[in-house]
Every structure is written in structure tokens, then in C-alpha cells.
Amino acid sequence: MSWTARLAELGIELPGVAAPLAAYVPAQRSGTLVFTSGQLPFVEGSLAATGKVGGDVSPEEAKAHARTCALNALAAVDALVGLDSVVRVVKVVGFVASAEGFTGQPAVVNGASELFGEVFGDAGRHARSAVGVAELPLGAPVEVELIVEIGGE
């Protein structure tokens, strides 16, 4: 089964690629790897939430926003090389704008990791970093970067 068919089976539709906020591209290929730029939780061109996790944004809400970021990352990969060329997810980096004392970053970034598992199965298992930060662009609560290996070319 193709990854595109798997998305359809799950009832997931990829969004359009989020427009860059500055001087960069949404995704870049180097050899058999595709690196995405950090993806924010944009939904139809608007930021879905702002604020700090553990303060203005609950950890559960932030986990859902991390999933949205992951979908945006997959859209960037799809636009560059086609989702069906993905062999596996290599690494995920999640940044969580954290209120003072919040230490649940891994659970928040699970929103992205679990999506990759749903879509890619064992090929979605990956190395990962979940980092708490003071601020993210536009006041976003979470940002996700993705590295995938591609093949078939």
C-alpha cells in the first residue's frame, strides 16, 4: 500500500504547504534525505493557537497542535518529492513554547510521533528531540521539524 493510500484509509487529508514566514523553503532534499523547515500549527493559513504550553495552552491541546505541525511537514515533503517516495522517518525535532516549570515536552511532541506511526507503521519509528523553549515564531505553542529518507529515484 502506498503512503498516500494509507492517509486516505485513515481519513487524513494533507493540507496545502504553509507559506514560509521568512527567507527559507518549506523542505530541502540532500541525497536520499528530505529536511523540512520547522512547521507551525497552521490551519488554512492561520495559526491555530498561540501561547505557552502549561499556561495558556493545555498539554493535550499542544499535542493536537504538534499533530497539525506534523501534517504540515508531510505536506512539505509531498510537495517536494511525493509522499510515496518516503522510505522511513529518520528524525523528528519538536520545540514546545513552555510556561515556567512545564516539563511535559515529550508528551506534547508525541502528537507528531504518533501520527508518523499511524501513517508509516514501523517505517515511522524515528529518533527524536523534544525541546522546551521560551518563545516560538508568531507566539506558536509548538513547532516540528522532520527528516525523512526517500528512495525510488
C-alpha atoms as a PDB file:
ATOM      1  CA  MET A   1       0.000   0.000   0.000  1.00  0.00           C
ATOM      2  CA  SER A   2       1.251   3.490  -0.779  1.00  0.00           C
ATOM      3  CA  TRP A   3       1.534   6.137   1.946  1.00  0.00           C
ATOM      4  CA  THR A   4      -0.978   8.255   0.052  1.00  0.00           C
ATOM      5  CA  ALA A   5      -3.436   5.354   0.148  1.00  0.00           C
ATOM      6  CA  ARG A   6      -2.698   4.868   3.839  1.00  0.00           C
ATOM      7  CA  LEU A   7      -3.595   8.517   4.513  1.00  0.00           C
ATOM      8  CA  ALA A   8      -6.864   8.032   2.648  1.00  0.00           C
ATOM      9  CA  GLU A   9      -7.563   4.859   4.627  1.00  0.00           C
ATOM     10  CA  LEU A  10      -7.049   6.844   7.840  1.00  0.00           C
ATOM     11  CA  GLY A  11      -9.303   9.640   6.564  1.00  0.00           C
ATOM     12  CA  ILE A  12      -6.427  12.137   6.661  1.00  0.00           C
ATOM     13  CA  GLU A  13      -6.076  14.814   4.005  1.00  0.00           C
ATOM     14  CA  LEU A  14      -2.801  16.710   3.760  1.00  0.00           C
ATOM     15  CA  PRO A  15      -3.129  20.486   3.949  1.00  0.00           C
ATOM     16  CA  GLY A  16      -1.585  22.850   1.449  1.00  0.00           C
ATOM     17  CA  VAL A  17       2.047  23.711   2.116  1.00  0.00           C
ATOM     18  CA  ALA A  18       2.364  26.520   4.635  1.00  0.00           C
ATOM     19  CA  ALA A  19       3.960  29.624   3.111  1.00  0.00           C
ATOM     20  CA  PRO A  20       7.394  30.440   4.552  1.00  0.00           C
ATOM     21  CA  LEU A  21       7.470  33.311   7.051  1.00  0.00           C
ATOM     22  CA  ALA A  22      10.974  34.445   6.036  1.00  0.00           C
ATOM     23  CA  ALA A  23      13.859  33.595   3.684  1.00  0.00           C
ATOM     24  CA  TYR A  24      13.724  29.783   3.531  1.00  0.00           C
ATOM     25  CA  VAL A  25      11.977  26.933   1.722  1.00  0.00           C
ATOM     26  CA  PRO A  26       9.472  24.515   3.301  1.00  0.00           C
ATOM     27  CA  ALA A  27      11.620  21.454   2.516  1.00  0.00           C
ATOM     28  CA  GLN A  28      15.033  20.701   1.042  1.00  0.00           C
ATOM     29  CA  ARG A  29      16.429  17.491  -0.384  1.00  0.00           C
ATOM     30  CA  SER A  30      20.022  16.360   0.071  1.00  0.00           C
ATOM     31  CA  GLY A  31      20.774  12.971  -1.453  1.00  0.00           C
ATOM     32  CA  THR A  32      18.272  10.483  -0.055  1.00  0.00           C
ATOM     33  CA  LEU A  33      17.167  12.738   2.803  1.00  0.00           C
ATOM     34  CA  VAL A  34      14.491  15.421   2.913  1.00  0.00           C
ATOM     35  CA  PHE A  35      14.660  18.020   5.686  1.00  0.00           C
ATOM     36  CA  THR A  36      11.649  20.154   6.445  1.00  0.00           C
ATOM     37  CA  SER A  37      11.801  23.613   7.892  1.00  0.00           C
ATOM     38  CA  GLY A  38      10.141  23.994  11.261  1.00  0.00           C
ATOM     39  CA  GLN A  39       6.393  23.695  10.783  1.00  0.00           C
ATOM     40  CA  LEU A  40       3.940  25.634  12.926  1.00  0.00           C
ATOM     41  CA  PRO A  41       0.321  24.596  13.592  1.00  0.00           C
ATOM     42  CA  PHE A  42      -1.147  26.477  10.640  1.00  0.00           C
ATOM     43  CA  VAL A  43      -4.655  25.507   9.589  1.00  0.00           C
ATOM     44  CA  GLU A  44      -5.893  27.030   6.335  1.00  0.00           C
ATOM     45  CA  GLY A  45      -3.278  29.787   6.513  1.00  0.00           C
ATOM     46  CA  SER A  46      -3.907  30.814  10.117  1.00  0.00           C
ATOM     47  CA  LEU A  47      -2.074  29.871  13.292  1.00  0.00           C
ATOM     48  CA  ALA A  48      -4.362  27.513  15.233  1.00  0.00           C
ATOM     49  CA  ALA A  49      -3.213  28.754  18.662  1.00  0.00           C
ATOM     50  CA  THR A  50      -0.757  30.969  20.459  1.00  0.00           C
ATOM     51  CA  GLY A  51       0.642  30.859  23.953  1.00  0.00           C
ATOM     52  CA  LYS A  52       2.780  28.832  26.286  1.00  0.00           C
ATOM     53  CA  VAL A  53       2.134  25.174  26.972  1.00  0.00           C
ATOM     54  CA  GLY A  54       1.378  24.580  30.615  1.00  0.00           C
ATOM     55  CA  GLY A  55      -0.070  28.094  30.825  1.00  0.00           C
ATOM     56  CA  ASP A  56      -2.314  29.428  28.048  1.00  0.00           C
ATOM     57  CA  VAL A  57      -2.346  26.120  26.155  1.00  0.00           C
ATOM     58  CA  SER A  58      -3.010  22.761  27.813  1.00  0.00           C
ATOM     59  CA  PRO A  59      -0.637  19.859  27.137  1.00  0.00           C
ATOM     60  CA  GLU A  60      -3.497  17.996  25.419  1.00  0.00           C
ATOM     61  CA  GLU A  61      -4.205  20.936  23.111  1.00  0.00           C
ATOM     62  CA  ALA A  62      -0.485  21.272  22.376  1.00  0.00           C
ATOM     63  CA  LYS A  63      -0.277  17.566  21.492  1.00  0.00           C
ATOM     64  CA  ALA A  64      -3.038  18.111  18.921  1.00  0.00           C
ATOM     65  CA  HIS A  65      -1.145  21.135  17.565  1.00  0.00           C
ATOM     66  CA  ALA A  66       2.008  19.011  17.243  1.00  0.00           C
ATOM     67  CA  ARG A  67      -0.022  16.616  15.092  1.00  0.00           C
ATOM     68  CA  THR A  68      -1.051  19.565  12.908  1.00  0.00           C
ATOM     69  CA  CYS A  69       2.604  20.578  12.595  1.00  0.00           C
ATOM     70  CA  ALA A  70       3.429  17.008  11.544  1.00  0.00           C
ATOM     71  CA  LEU A  71       0.730  17.088   8.865  1.00  0.00           C
ATOM     72  CA  ASN A  72       2.199  20.349   7.582  1.00  0.00           C
ATOM     73  CA  ALA A  73       5.640  18.716   7.481  1.00  0.00           C
ATOM     74  CA  LEU A  74       4.252  15.788   5.475  1.00  0.00           C
ATOM     75  CA  ALA A  75       2.645  18.271   3.077  1.00  0.00           C
ATOM     76  CA  ALA A  76       6.051  19.919   2.549  1.00  0.00           C
ATOM     77  CA  VAL A  77       7.657  16.523   1.847  1.00  0.00           C
ATOM     78  CA  ASP A  78       4.828  15.572  -0.503  1.00  0.00           C
ATOM     79  CA  ALA A  79       5.141  18.824  -2.459  1.00  0.00           C
ATOM     80  CA  LEU A  80       8.891  18.375  -2.890  1.00  0.00           C
ATOM     81  CA  VAL A  81       9.306  14.668  -3.667  1.00  0.00           C
ATOM     82  CA  GLY A  82       5.919  12.951  -3.311  1.00  0.00           C
ATOM     83  CA  LEU A  83       4.901  11.211  -0.120  1.00  0.00           C
ATOM     84  CA  ASP A  84       5.089   7.769  -1.703  1.00  0.00           C
ATOM     85  CA  SER A  85       8.860   8.160  -2.155  1.00  0.00           C
ATOM     86  CA  VAL A  86       9.344   8.122   1.639  1.00  0.00           C
ATOM     87  CA  VAL A  87      11.218   5.034   2.854  1.00  0.00           C
ATOM     88  CA  ARG A  88      11.152   5.947   6.535  1.00  0.00           C
ATOM     89  CA  VAL A  89      11.013   8.746   9.053  1.00  0.00           C
ATOM     90  CA  VAL A  90      14.541   9.329  10.333  1.00  0.00           C
ATOM     91  CA  LYS A  91      14.249  12.112  12.920  1.00  0.00           C
ATOM     92  CA  VAL A  92      11.700  14.444  14.454  1.00  0.00           C
ATOM     93  CA  VAL A  93      12.557  17.593  16.386  1.00  0.00           C
ATOM     94  CA  GLY A  94       9.812  19.257  18.390  1.00  0.00           C
ATOM     95  CA  PHE A  95      10.015  22.653  20.050  1.00  0.00           C
ATOM     96  CA  VAL A  96       7.493  23.477  22.766  1.00  0.00           C
ATOM     97  CA  ALA A  97       6.966  27.060  23.978  1.00  0.00           C
ATOM     98  CA  SER A  98       6.858  26.230  27.667  1.00  0.00           C
ATOM     99  CA  ALA A  99       5.440  28.058  30.652  1.00  0.00           C
ATOM    100  CA  GLU A 100       7.777  28.234  33.627  1.00  0.00           C
ATOM    101  CA  GLY A 101       8.027  24.835  35.272  1.00  0.00           C
ATOM    102  CA  PHE A 102       6.433  22.889  32.398  1.00  0.00           C
ATOM    103  CA  THR A 103       8.400  19.687  31.752  1.00  0.00           C
ATOM    104  CA  GLY A 104       5.979  17.649  29.616  1.00  0.00           C
ATOM    105  CA  GLN A 105       7.595  18.369  26.248  1.00  0.00           C
ATOM    106  CA  PRO A 106       7.949  14.672  25.293  1.00  0.00           C
ATOM    107  CA  ALA A 107       4.208  14.056  25.704  1.00  0.00           C
ATOM    108  CA  VAL A 108       3.413  17.112  23.571  1.00  0.00           C
ATOM    109  CA  VAL A 109       5.730  16.035  20.734  1.00  0.00           C
ATOM    110  CA  ASN A 110       4.088  12.598  20.840  1.00  0.00           C
ATOM    111  CA  GLY A 111       1.319  14.258  18.826  1.00  0.00           C
ATOM    112  CA  ALA A 112       3.721  14.290  15.871  1.00  0.00           C
ATOM    113  CA  SER A 113       5.395  10.958  16.599  1.00  0.00           C
ATOM    114  CA  GLU A 114       2.104   9.102  16.935  1.00  0.00           C
ATOM    115  CA  LEU A 115       0.882  10.469  13.598  1.00  0.00           C
ATOM    116  CA  PHE A 116       4.024   9.196  11.864  1.00  0.00           C
ATOM    117  CA  GLY A 117       3.425   5.786  13.455  1.00  0.00           C
ATOM    118  CA  GLU A 118      -0.194   5.732  12.253  1.00  0.00           C
ATOM    119  CA  VAL A 119       0.791   6.620   8.703  1.00  0.00           C
ATOM    120  CA  PHE A 120       4.087   4.776   8.239  1.00  0.00           C
ATOM    121  CA  GLY A 121       3.891   1.900  10.752  1.00  0.00           C
ATOM    122  CA  ASP A 122       7.376   0.603  11.591  1.00  0.00           C
ATOM    123  CA  ALA A 123       8.838   2.947   8.957  1.00  0.00           C
ATOM    124  CA  GLY A 124       7.537   5.793  11.129  1.00  0.00           C
ATOM    125  CA  ARG A 125       9.732   4.885  14.129  1.00  0.00           C
ATOM    126  CA  HIS A 126      12.326   7.615  14.492  1.00  0.00           C
ATOM    127  CA  ALA A 127      14.956   9.337  16.582  1.00  0.00           C
ATOM    128  CA  ARG A 128      13.594  12.448  18.293  1.00  0.00           C
ATOM    129  CA  SER A 129      14.282  15.530  20.350  1.00  0.00           C
ATOM    130  CA  ALA A 130      11.610  17.367  22.370  1.00  0.00           C
ATOM    131  CA  VAL A 131      12.877  20.761  23.488  1.00  0.00           C
ATOM    132  CA  GLY A 132      11.293  23.367  25.730  1.00  0.00           C
ATOM    133  CA  VAL A 133      11.847  26.945  24.561  1.00  0.00           C
ATOM    134  CA  ALA A 134      10.901  30.423  25.789  1.00  0.00           C
ATOM    135  CA  GLU A 135       9.274  31.611  22.536  1.00  0.00           C
ATOM    136  CA  LEU A 136       8.423  30.379  19.058  1.00  0.00           C
ATOM    137  CA  PRO A 137       7.630  32.361  15.889  1.00  0.00           C
ATOM    138  CA  LEU A 138       4.329  34.255  15.990  1.00  0.00           C
ATOM    139  CA  GLY A 139       3.762  33.032  19.548  1.00  0.00           C
ATOM    140  CA  ALA A 140       3.062  29.454  18.398  1.00  0.00           C
ATOM    141  CA  PRO A 141       2.914  26.845  21.154  1.00  0.00           C
ATOM    142  CA  VAL A 142       4.757  24.144  19.181  1.00  0.00           C
ATOM    143  CA  GLU A 143       6.961  23.684  16.106  1.00  0.00           C
ATOM    144  CA  VAL A 144       8.030  20.429  14.438  1.00  0.00           C
ATOM    145  CA  GLU A 145      10.877  19.599  12.039  1.00  0.00           C
ATOM    146  CA  LEU A 146      11.079  16.340  10.105  1.00  0.00           C
ATOM    147  CA  ILE A 147      13.808  14.373   8.361  1.00  0.00           C
ATOM    148  CA  VAL A 148      12.778  11.501   6.088  1.00  0.00           C
ATOM    149  CA  GLU A 149      14.685   9.090   3.895  1.00  0.00           C
ATOM    150  CA  ILE A 150      13.440   8.732   0.347  1.00  0.00           C
ATOM    151  CA  GLY A 151      14.032   6.134  -2.322  1.00  0.00           C
ATOM    152  CA  GLY A 152      12.860   5.047  -5.727  1.00  0.00           C
ATOM    153  CA  GLU A 153      14.832   7.534  -7.774  1.00  0.00           C
END
